[in-house]
Amino acid sequence: MQKFFIFILPLFIFTNDFTLKKEKDGIKVWLKNENKFYRFKVQMHIFKSAVEIEKVLQDYSAYTTWNPKLKEIKVLKKTENQTILYMRFSSPWPFEDRDQVVSVTKEIVNLNSIFYLIKSDTYKVDLVKNVVRINQVEGFWHLEKLQNNSLQITQEIYSDPKVNLPKIFAQNNIVNLSLKSFQNLKNRL
């Protein structure tokens, strides 16, 4: 796994064709047009330890308090370095809610860099009536200690929500929700 991780990691980190869409409260949100939808990247710097941030990121039951569209989250399976999650997101009328099953795998690169890799998982969860299953999710959380002893927190995600929205509506929705999630996360820290 470690060799695969080191090989694939540069594909995530060094794709720089993102466009900065919003910057507020020390939080930056970028978008990249990819396939049918957007890949987003959100980033902030904070003077906290990686251990403090990891406690919040691993407190899955609290995600609904800082992720505005997350309606439900369940831990389906947990090992030392991997957690499989079921997540359900609310959608405004006339759209149906969305859900997904993802694995989150912790990878320590070095003393200053930790990744939580996120990808769709095939763990069996029954489909829910009137809820659309998202089967394509990939991304990561990255915690990186900088020279000024701050911690750079980055989240990058691509998913296909299986909905046809005008690009401008989708873009504004992604940017505003990503910013709000990070503002809420920052307040929890």
Protein backbone atom coordinates (compact mmCIF):
# COMPACT_ATOMS: atom_id res chain seq x y z
CA MET A 1 0.00 0.00 0.00
CA GLN A 2 2.79 2.44 0.89
CA LYS A 3 4.43 2.16 -2.56
CA PHE A 4 1.09 2.67 -4.29
CA PHE A 5 0.37 5.68 -2.07
CA ILE A 6 3.70 7.35 -2.84
CA PHE A 7 3.17 6.75 -6.56
CA ILE A 8 -0.39 8.12 -6.70
CA LEU A 9 0.08 11.00 -4.24
CA PRO A 10 1.73 13.40 -6.71
CA LEU A 11 -1.33 13.09 -8.93
CA PHE A 12 -3.40 14.67 -6.15
CA ILE A 13 -1.01 17.30 -4.88
CA PHE A 14 0.57 18.65 -8.01
CA THR A 15 -2.50 19.31 -10.13
CA ASN A 16 -2.39 23.09 -10.14
CA ASP A 17 -5.08 23.91 -12.66
CA PHE A 18 -7.50 25.02 -9.94
CA THR A 19 -9.05 28.48 -10.03
CA LEU A 20 -9.36 30.43 -6.78
CA LYS A 21 -13.07 31.21 -6.38
CA LYS A 22 -13.35 32.65 -2.90
CA GLU A 23 -11.19 33.76 -0.01
CA LYS A 24 -12.67 34.69 3.35
CA ASP A 25 -11.65 34.39 7.02
CA GLY A 26 -8.26 32.95 6.01
CA ILE A 27 -9.96 30.17 4.04
CA LYS A 28 -9.42 29.69 0.31
CA VAL A 29 -11.72 27.71 -2.00
CA TRP A 30 -10.61 26.58 -5.47
CA LEU A 31 -12.47 24.74 -8.22
CA LYS A 32 -11.34 22.68 -11.15
CA ASN A 33 -13.73 21.66 -13.92
CA GLU A 34 -13.37 17.90 -14.19
CA ASN A 35 -15.42 15.38 -16.12
CA LYS A 36 -19.10 16.10 -15.51
CA PHE A 37 -18.63 18.10 -12.33
CA TYR A 38 -16.09 20.04 -10.27
CA ARG A 39 -13.20 19.02 -8.06
CA PHE A 40 -12.91 21.41 -5.14
CA LYS A 41 -10.03 22.26 -2.85
CA VAL A 42 -10.34 24.16 0.42
CA GLN A 43 -7.41 25.29 2.51
CA MET A 44 -6.66 27.19 5.71
CA HIS A 45 -3.79 27.72 8.13
CA ILE A 46 -4.27 27.39 11.85
CA PHE A 47 -2.01 27.40 14.89
CA LYS A 48 -3.03 24.03 16.31
CA SER A 49 -1.25 20.69 16.45
CA ALA A 50 -1.97 17.88 14.01
CA VAL A 51 -3.12 15.80 16.99
CA GLU A 52 -5.81 18.40 17.83
CA ILE A 53 -6.99 18.52 14.21
CA GLU A 54 -6.99 14.73 13.90
CA LYS A 55 -9.23 14.43 16.97
CA VAL A 56 -11.82 16.60 15.24
CA LEU A 57 -11.44 14.85 11.86
CA GLN A 58 -11.82 11.44 13.50
CA ASP A 59 -14.86 12.48 15.54
CA TYR A 60 -17.24 11.35 12.81
CA SER A 61 -20.36 11.67 14.96
CA ALA A 62 -19.75 15.45 15.15
CA TYR A 63 -19.43 15.96 11.37
CA THR A 64 -23.10 16.93 11.11
CA THR A 65 -22.39 19.93 13.37
CA TRP A 66 -19.89 21.50 10.99
CA ASN A 67 -20.84 20.13 7.55
CA PRO A 68 -24.04 22.01 6.64
CA LYS A 69 -25.47 19.43 4.21
CA LEU A 70 -24.48 16.27 6.06
CA LYS A 71 -27.69 14.80 7.44
CA GLU A 72 -26.40 11.46 8.74
CA ILE A 73 -23.08 9.67 9.20
CA LYS A 74 -22.37 6.14 10.43
CA VAL A 75 -19.12 4.30 11.03
CA LEU A 76 -19.57 0.95 9.29
CA LYS A 77 -16.15 -0.52 9.97
CA LYS A 78 -13.01 0.70 11.70
CA THR A 79 -9.44 -0.59 11.80
CA GLU A 80 -6.26 1.09 13.01
CA ASN A 81 -5.71 3.14 9.82
CA GLN A 82 -9.00 2.86 7.93
CA THR A 83 -12.61 3.79 8.58
CA ILE A 84 -15.54 3.00 6.32
CA LEU A 85 -18.34 5.55 6.53
CA TYR A 86 -21.91 5.87 5.34
CA MET A 87 -22.84 9.51 4.72
CA ARG A 88 -26.18 11.01 3.71
CA PHE A 89 -26.48 14.59 2.44
CA SER A 90 -29.63 16.68 2.31
CA SER A 91 -30.61 18.27 -0.99
CA PRO A 92 -33.05 21.10 -1.56
CA TRP A 93 -36.37 20.42 -3.23
CA PRO A 94 -36.91 19.24 -5.97
CA PHE A 95 -33.74 17.15 -5.71
CA GLU A 96 -33.42 13.90 -3.78
CA ASP A 97 -30.93 13.46 -0.95
CA ARG A 98 -27.59 11.85 -1.82
CA ASP A 99 -25.64 9.20 0.06
CA GLN A 100 -22.26 7.55 -0.27
CA VAL A 101 -20.06 4.89 1.26
CA VAL A 102 -16.41 5.90 1.53
CA SER A 103 -13.22 4.57 3.02
CA VAL A 104 -10.93 7.00 4.82
CA THR A 105 -7.36 5.73 5.09
CA LYS A 106 -4.69 7.44 7.18
CA GLU A 107 -1.23 7.68 5.63
CA ILE A 108 1.67 9.29 7.50
CA VAL A 109 4.15 10.61 4.95
CA ASN A 110 6.61 12.05 7.48
CA LEU A 111 6.57 13.93 10.79
CA ASN A 112 5.14 17.03 9.10
CA SER A 113 2.64 15.52 6.66
CA ILE A 114 -0.44 13.32 7.21
CA PHE A 115 -3.02 12.34 4.62
CA TYR A 116 -6.50 10.92 5.02
CA LEU A 117 -7.28 9.41 1.62
CA ILE A 118 -10.97 9.29 0.74
CA LYS A 119 -12.47 7.04 -1.93
CA SER A 120 -15.70 5.28 -2.75
CA ASP A 121 -16.02 1.90 -1.09
CA THR A 122 -17.94 -1.20 -2.09
CA TYR A 123 -18.99 -2.01 1.49
CA LYS A 124 -22.54 -3.30 1.21
CA VAL A 125 -25.15 -0.79 2.30
CA ASP A 126 -28.72 -1.13 1.12
CA LEU A 127 -30.05 1.59 -1.13
CA VAL A 128 -32.46 4.00 0.54
CA LYS A 129 -35.74 4.87 -1.14
CA ASN A 130 -35.72 8.38 -2.68
CA VAL A 131 -31.98 8.76 -2.03
CA VAL A 132 -29.43 8.73 -4.88
CA ARG A 133 -26.23 6.75 -4.22
CA ILE A 134 -22.99 8.53 -5.18
CA ASN A 135 -20.60 5.84 -6.38
CA GLN A 136 -17.70 8.03 -7.49
CA VAL A 137 -15.87 9.87 -4.72
CA GLU A 138 -12.14 10.52 -4.42
CA GLY A 139 -10.05 12.99 -2.49
CA PHE A 140 -8.16 13.60 0.70
CA TRP A 141 -7.55 15.63 3.82
CA HIS A 142 -3.94 16.80 4.14
CA LEU A 143 -2.43 18.12 7.38
CA GLU A 144 0.96 19.73 6.85
CA LYS A 145 3.09 21.46 9.46
CA LEU A 146 4.70 24.60 8.02
CA GLN A 147 7.94 26.38 8.97
CA ASN A 148 6.07 29.02 11.01
CA ASN A 149 4.63 26.15 13.13
CA SER A 150 1.15 26.66 11.71
CA LEU A 151 -0.74 23.74 10.27
CA GLN A 152 -2.04 23.88 6.72
CA ILE A 153 -5.31 21.97 6.40
CA THR A 154 -6.36 21.03 2.88
CA GLN A 155 -9.38 19.12 1.71
CA GLU A 156 -9.69 18.13 -1.93
CA ILE A 157 -12.70 16.18 -3.20
CA TYR A 158 -14.21 15.08 -6.48
CA SER A 159 -17.57 13.37 -6.62
CA ASP A 160 -20.25 12.92 -9.21
CA PRO A 161 -23.53 13.79 -7.45
CA LYS A 162 -25.58 12.37 -10.33
CA VAL A 163 -27.59 15.52 -10.90
CA ASN A 164 -27.85 17.86 -13.85
CA LEU A 165 -27.39 21.40 -12.60
CA PRO A 166 -26.45 24.52 -14.50
CA LYS A 167 -22.68 24.97 -14.06
CA ILE A 168 -23.03 28.37 -12.38
CA PHE A 169 -25.48 27.01 -9.79
CA ALA A 170 -23.28 23.98 -9.09
CA GLN A 171 -20.16 26.14 -8.81
CA ASN A 172 -21.72 28.62 -6.39
CA ASN A 173 -23.19 25.82 -4.30
CA ILE A 174 -19.86 23.98 -4.01
CA VAL A 175 -17.90 27.14 -3.18
CA ASN A 176 -20.34 28.39 -0.54
CA LEU A 177 -20.83 25.01 1.14
CA SER A 178 -17.08 24.32 1.20
CA LEU A 179 -16.38 27.72 2.73
CA LYS A 180 -19.13 27.27 5.34
CA SER A 181 -17.85 23.80 6.29
CA PHE A 182 -14.33 25.13 6.86
CA GLN A 183 -15.63 28.15 8.81
CA ASN A 184 -17.56 25.75 11.04
CA LEU A 185 -14.52 23.46 11.35
CA LYS A 186 -12.33 26.42 12.28
CA ASN A 187 -14.83 27.42 14.99
CA ARG A 188 -14.71 23.87 16.45
CA LEU A 189 -10.95 24.12 16.77
